[in-house]
Amino acid sequence: MYLHANSKPDNRGTRKPTTPEQAEKDALYQHQLVMKCNSYMNSCFSISAAKAGLEDGKYDLIGGSCITSPEGYVLAEAKGKGDEIVFAEIDLEDCRQGKEKASSS
C-alpha cells in the first residue's frame, strides 16, 4: 500500500473537510497506529519500509518507514521525505514473553 494522503481526497478516512497537510499528518498517525497495534497483538517487531516523495509525477508519497517493538513502541523512524536509512538494534527474545504468555492462557 502506498501512503499518499493527497491522491484521492475523497478517501481520506474522514467526512470533515481537511487540508492536504492535515490529511498527511492523519495518514502518518494512522500508519504508526496500525504498526504499533500489529506489533503488540502479534508480539513481534514490525519493520515498515515506505516510499516518500513524488511517484509517477503525481502521487506525493508520505513515507513513514519505522521499526516498532513487540510492546508497540516506535524504536526508529524516518524523519523526512528524503532518502534515509532507518535502523534499530533489536533482540528477538523480546518477542518471547508475549508469545509464551498468550499460548499458555
N, C-alpha and C. Protein backbone atom coordinates (compact mmCIF):
# COMPACT_ATOMS: atom_id res chain seq x y z
N MET A 1 0.84 -1.17 0.00
CA MET A 1 0.00 0.00 0.00
C MET A 1 0.89 1.24 0.00
N TYR A 2 0.59 2.15 -0.88
CA TYR A 2 1.32 3.41 -0.90
C TYR A 2 0.63 4.37 0.07
N LEU A 3 1.41 5.05 0.85
CA LEU A 3 0.86 6.05 1.75
C LEU A 3 0.91 7.41 1.07
N HIS A 4 -0.20 7.81 0.54
CA HIS A 4 -0.28 9.14 -0.05
C HIS A 4 -1.64 9.70 0.29
N ALA A 5 -1.62 10.71 1.12
CA ALA A 5 -2.86 11.28 1.63
C ALA A 5 -3.57 12.14 0.61
N ASN A 6 -2.88 12.62 -0.39
CA ASN A 6 -3.46 13.63 -1.27
C ASN A 6 -3.94 13.11 -2.61
N SER A 7 -3.68 11.85 -2.94
CA SER A 7 -4.02 11.39 -4.28
C SER A 7 -5.52 11.22 -4.48
N LYS A 8 -6.24 10.88 -3.43
CA LYS A 8 -7.68 10.71 -3.53
C LYS A 8 -8.34 11.43 -2.35
N PRO A 9 -8.62 12.70 -2.49
CA PRO A 9 -9.16 13.46 -1.37
C PRO A 9 -10.44 12.87 -0.77
N ASP A 10 -11.23 12.18 -1.59
CA ASP A 10 -12.47 11.61 -1.06
C ASP A 10 -12.24 10.37 -0.20
N ASN A 11 -11.03 9.83 -0.23
CA ASN A 11 -10.73 8.61 0.54
C ASN A 11 -9.81 8.89 1.72
N ARG A 12 -9.94 10.01 2.33
CA ARG A 12 -9.04 10.39 3.42
C ARG A 12 -9.46 9.83 4.76
N GLY A 13 -10.55 9.09 4.84
CA GLY A 13 -10.94 8.47 6.10
C GLY A 13 -11.73 9.38 7.02
N THR A 14 -12.20 10.50 6.51
CA THR A 14 -12.99 11.40 7.33
C THR A 14 -14.01 12.10 6.46
N ARG A 15 -15.09 12.48 7.07
CA ARG A 15 -16.11 13.25 6.34
C ARG A 15 -15.91 14.74 6.54
N LYS A 16 -15.04 15.10 7.48
CA LYS A 16 -14.78 16.52 7.75
C LYS A 16 -13.86 17.09 6.67
N PRO A 17 -14.08 18.35 6.31
CA PRO A 17 -13.14 18.98 5.37
C PRO A 17 -11.75 19.04 6.01
N THR A 18 -10.74 18.81 5.21
CA THR A 18 -9.38 18.81 5.73
C THR A 18 -8.42 19.36 4.68
N THR A 19 -7.31 19.86 5.15
CA THR A 19 -6.27 20.35 4.24
C THR A 19 -5.36 19.19 3.84
N PRO A 20 -4.63 19.32 2.75
CA PRO A 20 -3.66 18.28 2.40
C PRO A 20 -2.62 18.05 3.51
N GLU A 21 -2.22 19.11 4.19
CA GLU A 21 -1.24 18.97 5.29
C GLU A 21 -1.82 18.14 6.43
N GLN A 22 -3.07 18.41 6.80
CA GLN A 22 -3.71 17.66 7.87
C GLN A 22 -3.95 16.22 7.44
N ALA A 23 -4.31 16.02 6.17
CA ALA A 23 -4.52 14.66 5.66
C ALA A 23 -3.22 13.85 5.75
N GLU A 24 -2.09 14.49 5.43
CA GLU A 24 -0.80 13.80 5.53
C GLU A 24 -0.48 13.47 6.98
N LYS A 25 -0.71 14.40 7.87
CA LYS A 25 -0.47 14.18 9.30
C LYS A 25 -1.34 13.03 9.82
N ASP A 26 -2.60 13.02 9.43
CA ASP A 26 -3.52 11.95 9.85
C ASP A 26 -3.09 10.61 9.29
N ALA A 27 -2.67 10.57 8.03
CA ALA A 27 -2.24 9.31 7.41
C ALA A 27 -1.02 8.74 8.11
N LEU A 28 -0.06 9.59 8.46
CA LEU A 28 1.13 9.12 9.20
C LEU A 28 0.75 8.61 10.58
N TYR A 29 -0.16 9.31 11.25
CA TYR A 29 -0.62 8.87 12.57
C TYR A 29 -1.29 7.50 12.48
N GLN A 30 -2.18 7.33 11.51
CA GLN A 30 -2.89 6.06 11.35
C GLN A 30 -1.93 4.94 10.96
N HIS A 31 -0.95 5.24 10.13
CA HIS A 31 0.05 4.24 9.74
C HIS A 31 0.80 3.75 10.98
N GLN A 32 1.28 4.67 11.82
CA GLN A 32 2.00 4.25 13.02
C GLN A 32 1.09 3.54 14.00
N LEU A 33 -0.16 3.95 14.08
CA LEU A 33 -1.11 3.28 14.96
C LEU A 33 -1.26 1.81 14.57
N VAL A 34 -1.39 1.55 13.28
CA VAL A 34 -1.51 0.17 12.79
C VAL A 34 -0.24 -0.62 13.08
N MET A 35 0.91 -0.01 12.85
CA MET A 35 2.19 -0.68 13.13
C MET A 35 2.30 -1.05 14.61
N LYS A 36 1.97 -0.11 15.48
CA LYS A 36 2.04 -0.35 16.92
C LYS A 36 1.09 -1.47 17.34
N CYS A 37 -0.14 -1.40 16.86
CA CYS A 37 -1.14 -2.40 17.24
C CYS A 37 -0.75 -3.80 16.75
N ASN A 38 -0.30 -3.90 15.50
CA ASN A 38 0.08 -5.21 14.97
C ASN A 38 1.28 -5.78 15.70
N SER A 39 2.26 -4.95 16.03
CA SER A 39 3.41 -5.43 16.79
C SER A 39 2.98 -5.94 18.15
N TYR A 40 2.13 -5.18 18.81
CA TYR A 40 1.68 -5.57 20.16
C TYR A 40 0.82 -6.83 20.12
N MET A 41 -0.14 -6.88 19.20
CA MET A 41 -1.05 -8.03 19.13
C MET A 41 -0.34 -9.32 18.76
N ASN A 42 0.69 -9.22 17.92
CA ASN A 42 1.41 -10.40 17.45
C ASN A 42 2.72 -10.64 18.17
N SER A 43 3.03 -9.79 19.14
CA SER A 43 4.27 -9.89 19.91
C SER A 43 5.48 -10.07 18.99
N CYS A 44 5.62 -9.11 18.08
CA CYS A 44 6.73 -9.18 17.14
C CYS A 44 7.19 -7.78 16.78
N PHE A 45 8.39 -7.70 16.24
CA PHE A 45 8.87 -6.44 15.69
C PHE A 45 8.20 -6.24 14.34
N SER A 46 7.87 -5.01 14.03
CA SER A 46 7.35 -4.67 12.71
C SER A 46 8.32 -3.70 12.06
N ILE A 47 8.64 -3.97 10.83
CA ILE A 47 9.54 -3.12 10.07
C ILE A 47 8.81 -2.68 8.81
N SER A 48 8.64 -1.40 8.68
CA SER A 48 7.91 -0.86 7.54
C SER A 48 8.84 0.02 6.72
N ALA A 49 9.03 -0.35 5.47
CA ALA A 49 9.83 0.46 4.55
C ALA A 49 8.85 1.14 3.60
N ALA A 50 8.77 2.46 3.68
CA ALA A 50 7.78 3.19 2.90
C ALA A 50 8.47 4.18 1.96
N LYS A 51 7.92 4.31 0.78
CA LYS A 51 8.45 5.28 -0.19
C LYS A 51 7.99 6.68 0.20
N ALA A 52 8.80 7.64 -0.19
CA ALA A 52 8.45 9.04 0.05
C ALA A 52 8.80 9.86 -1.18
N GLY A 53 8.12 10.98 -1.32
CA GLY A 53 8.39 11.87 -2.44
C GLY A 53 7.37 11.67 -3.55
N LEU A 54 7.65 12.25 -4.68
CA LEU A 54 6.71 12.23 -5.79
C LEU A 54 6.86 10.94 -6.61
N GLU A 55 5.78 10.22 -6.77
CA GLU A 55 5.74 8.96 -7.52
C GLU A 55 4.98 9.18 -8.81
N ASP A 56 5.55 8.77 -9.91
CA ASP A 56 4.92 8.90 -11.23
C ASP A 56 4.51 10.34 -11.55
N GLY A 57 5.19 11.29 -10.93
CA GLY A 57 4.91 12.69 -11.20
C GLY A 57 3.61 13.22 -10.67
N LYS A 58 2.85 12.38 -9.91
CA LYS A 58 1.56 12.87 -9.43
C LYS A 58 1.18 12.44 -8.03
N TYR A 59 1.80 11.42 -7.47
CA TYR A 59 1.43 10.96 -6.13
C TYR A 59 2.49 11.38 -5.13
N ASP A 60 2.11 12.19 -4.17
CA ASP A 60 3.04 12.66 -3.14
C ASP A 60 3.02 11.65 -1.99
N LEU A 61 3.96 10.72 -2.02
CA LEU A 61 4.02 9.67 -1.00
C LEU A 61 4.61 10.22 0.28
N ILE A 62 4.02 9.85 1.41
CA ILE A 62 4.37 10.48 2.68
C ILE A 62 5.45 9.75 3.46
N GLY A 63 5.90 8.61 2.99
CA GLY A 63 6.94 7.88 3.72
C GLY A 63 6.36 7.19 4.93
N GLY A 64 7.06 7.27 6.05
CA GLY A 64 6.57 6.64 7.27
C GLY A 64 7.33 5.38 7.64
N SER A 65 8.52 5.17 7.07
CA SER A 65 9.31 4.00 7.44
C SER A 65 9.56 4.01 8.94
N CYS A 66 9.39 2.86 9.58
CA CYS A 66 9.63 2.78 11.02
C CYS A 66 9.86 1.34 11.46
N ILE A 67 10.41 1.21 12.65
CA ILE A 67 10.62 -0.09 13.30
C ILE A 67 9.90 -0.01 14.64
N THR A 68 9.03 -0.98 14.88
CA THR A 68 8.19 -0.98 16.07
C THR A 68 8.47 -2.23 16.90
N SER A 69 8.50 -2.07 18.22
CA SER A 69 8.81 -3.17 19.13
C SER A 69 7.58 -4.03 19.42
N PRO A 70 7.79 -5.23 19.98
CA PRO A 70 6.66 -6.08 20.36
C PRO A 70 5.75 -5.44 21.41
N GLU A 71 6.24 -4.44 22.12
CA GLU A 71 5.41 -3.73 23.10
C GLU A 71 4.65 -2.57 22.46
N GLY A 72 4.87 -2.34 21.17
CA GLY A 72 4.15 -1.29 20.46
C GLY A 72 4.83 0.06 20.46
N TYR A 73 6.10 0.12 20.78
CA TYR A 73 6.84 1.38 20.77
C TYR A 73 7.61 1.55 19.46
N VAL A 74 7.60 2.76 18.93
CA VAL A 74 8.39 3.05 17.74
C VAL A 74 9.84 3.21 18.19
N LEU A 75 10.71 2.32 17.70
CA LEU A 75 12.12 2.34 18.07
C LEU A 75 12.93 3.27 17.19
N ALA A 76 12.53 3.38 15.94
CA ALA A 76 13.23 4.24 14.98
C ALA A 76 12.25 4.59 13.87
N GLU A 77 12.42 5.78 13.31
CA GLU A 77 11.52 6.20 12.23
C GLU A 77 12.22 7.20 11.32
N ALA A 78 11.76 7.25 10.09
CA ALA A 78 12.28 8.23 9.14
C ALA A 78 11.85 9.62 9.60
N LYS A 79 12.74 10.57 9.39
CA LYS A 79 12.46 11.93 9.87
C LYS A 79 11.99 12.87 8.77
N GLY A 80 12.05 12.43 7.53
CA GLY A 80 11.66 13.32 6.44
C GLY A 80 11.25 12.55 5.21
N LYS A 81 11.22 13.23 4.08
CA LYS A 81 10.81 12.61 2.83
C LYS A 81 11.98 12.30 1.91
N GLY A 82 13.21 12.53 2.38
CA GLY A 82 14.38 12.22 1.57
C GLY A 82 14.81 10.78 1.78
N ASP A 83 15.82 10.36 1.00
CA ASP A 83 16.38 9.02 1.18
C ASP A 83 16.99 8.93 2.57
N GLU A 84 16.73 7.84 3.23
CA GLU A 84 17.15 7.71 4.62
C GLU A 84 17.24 6.24 5.00
N ILE A 85 18.17 5.89 5.85
CA ILE A 85 18.25 4.54 6.39
C ILE A 85 17.75 4.59 7.83
N VAL A 86 16.80 3.74 8.13
CA VAL A 86 16.23 3.66 9.47
C VAL A 86 16.70 2.35 10.08
N PHE A 87 17.28 2.41 11.26
CA PHE A 87 17.76 1.17 11.88
C PHE A 87 17.59 1.23 13.39
N ALA A 88 17.53 0.05 13.98
CA ALA A 88 17.44 -0.08 15.43
C ALA A 88 18.03 -1.43 15.81
N GLU A 89 18.63 -1.49 16.96
CA GLU A 89 19.11 -2.76 17.49
C GLU A 89 17.93 -3.46 18.14
N ILE A 90 17.71 -4.72 17.74
CA ILE A 90 16.58 -5.46 18.30
C ILE A 90 17.07 -6.77 18.91
N ASP A 91 16.30 -7.29 19.83
CA ASP A 91 16.58 -8.57 20.46
C ASP A 91 15.33 -9.43 20.28
N LEU A 92 15.44 -10.49 19.51
CA LEU A 92 14.27 -11.33 19.23
C LEU A 92 13.71 -11.99 20.50
N GLU A 93 14.48 -12.03 21.54
CA GLU A 93 13.97 -12.54 22.83
C GLU A 93 12.82 -11.67 23.34
N ASP A 94 12.77 -10.40 22.92
CA ASP A 94 11.68 -9.52 23.33
C ASP A 94 10.32 -10.02 22.85
N CYS A 95 10.31 -10.87 21.84
CA CYS A 95 9.06 -11.42 21.31
C CYS A 95 8.55 -12.60 22.14
N ARG A 96 9.45 -13.24 22.84
CA ARG A 96 9.13 -14.49 23.52
C ARG A 96 8.03 -14.34 24.57
N GLN A 97 8.11 -13.32 25.43
CA GLN A 97 7.15 -13.21 26.52
C GLN A 97 5.71 -13.16 26.03
N GLY A 98 5.44 -12.32 25.05
CA GLY A 98 4.07 -12.21 24.54
C GLY A 98 3.58 -13.49 23.90
N LYS A 99 4.46 -14.21 23.22
CA LYS A 99 4.07 -15.46 22.58
C LYS A 99 3.86 -16.57 23.61
N GLU A 100 4.71 -16.64 24.61
CA GLU A 100 4.56 -17.68 25.62
C GLU A 100 3.35 -17.41 26.52
N LYS A 101 3.15 -16.18 26.91
CA LYS A 101 2.01 -15.84 27.78
C LYS A 101 0.70 -16.05 27.05
N ALA A 102 0.63 -15.68 25.77
CA ALA A 102 -0.60 -15.83 25.01
C ALA A 102 -0.95 -17.28 24.79
N SER A 103 0.03 -18.12 24.56
CA SER A 103 -0.26 -19.53 24.25
C SER A 103 -0.54 -20.34 25.52
N SER A 104 -0.15 -19.83 26.69
CA SER A 104 -0.35 -20.61 27.91
C SER A 104 -1.67 -20.31 28.59
N SER A 105 -2.43 -19.32 28.11
CA SER A 105 -3.69 -18.97 28.76
C SER A 105 -4.82 -19.87 28.35
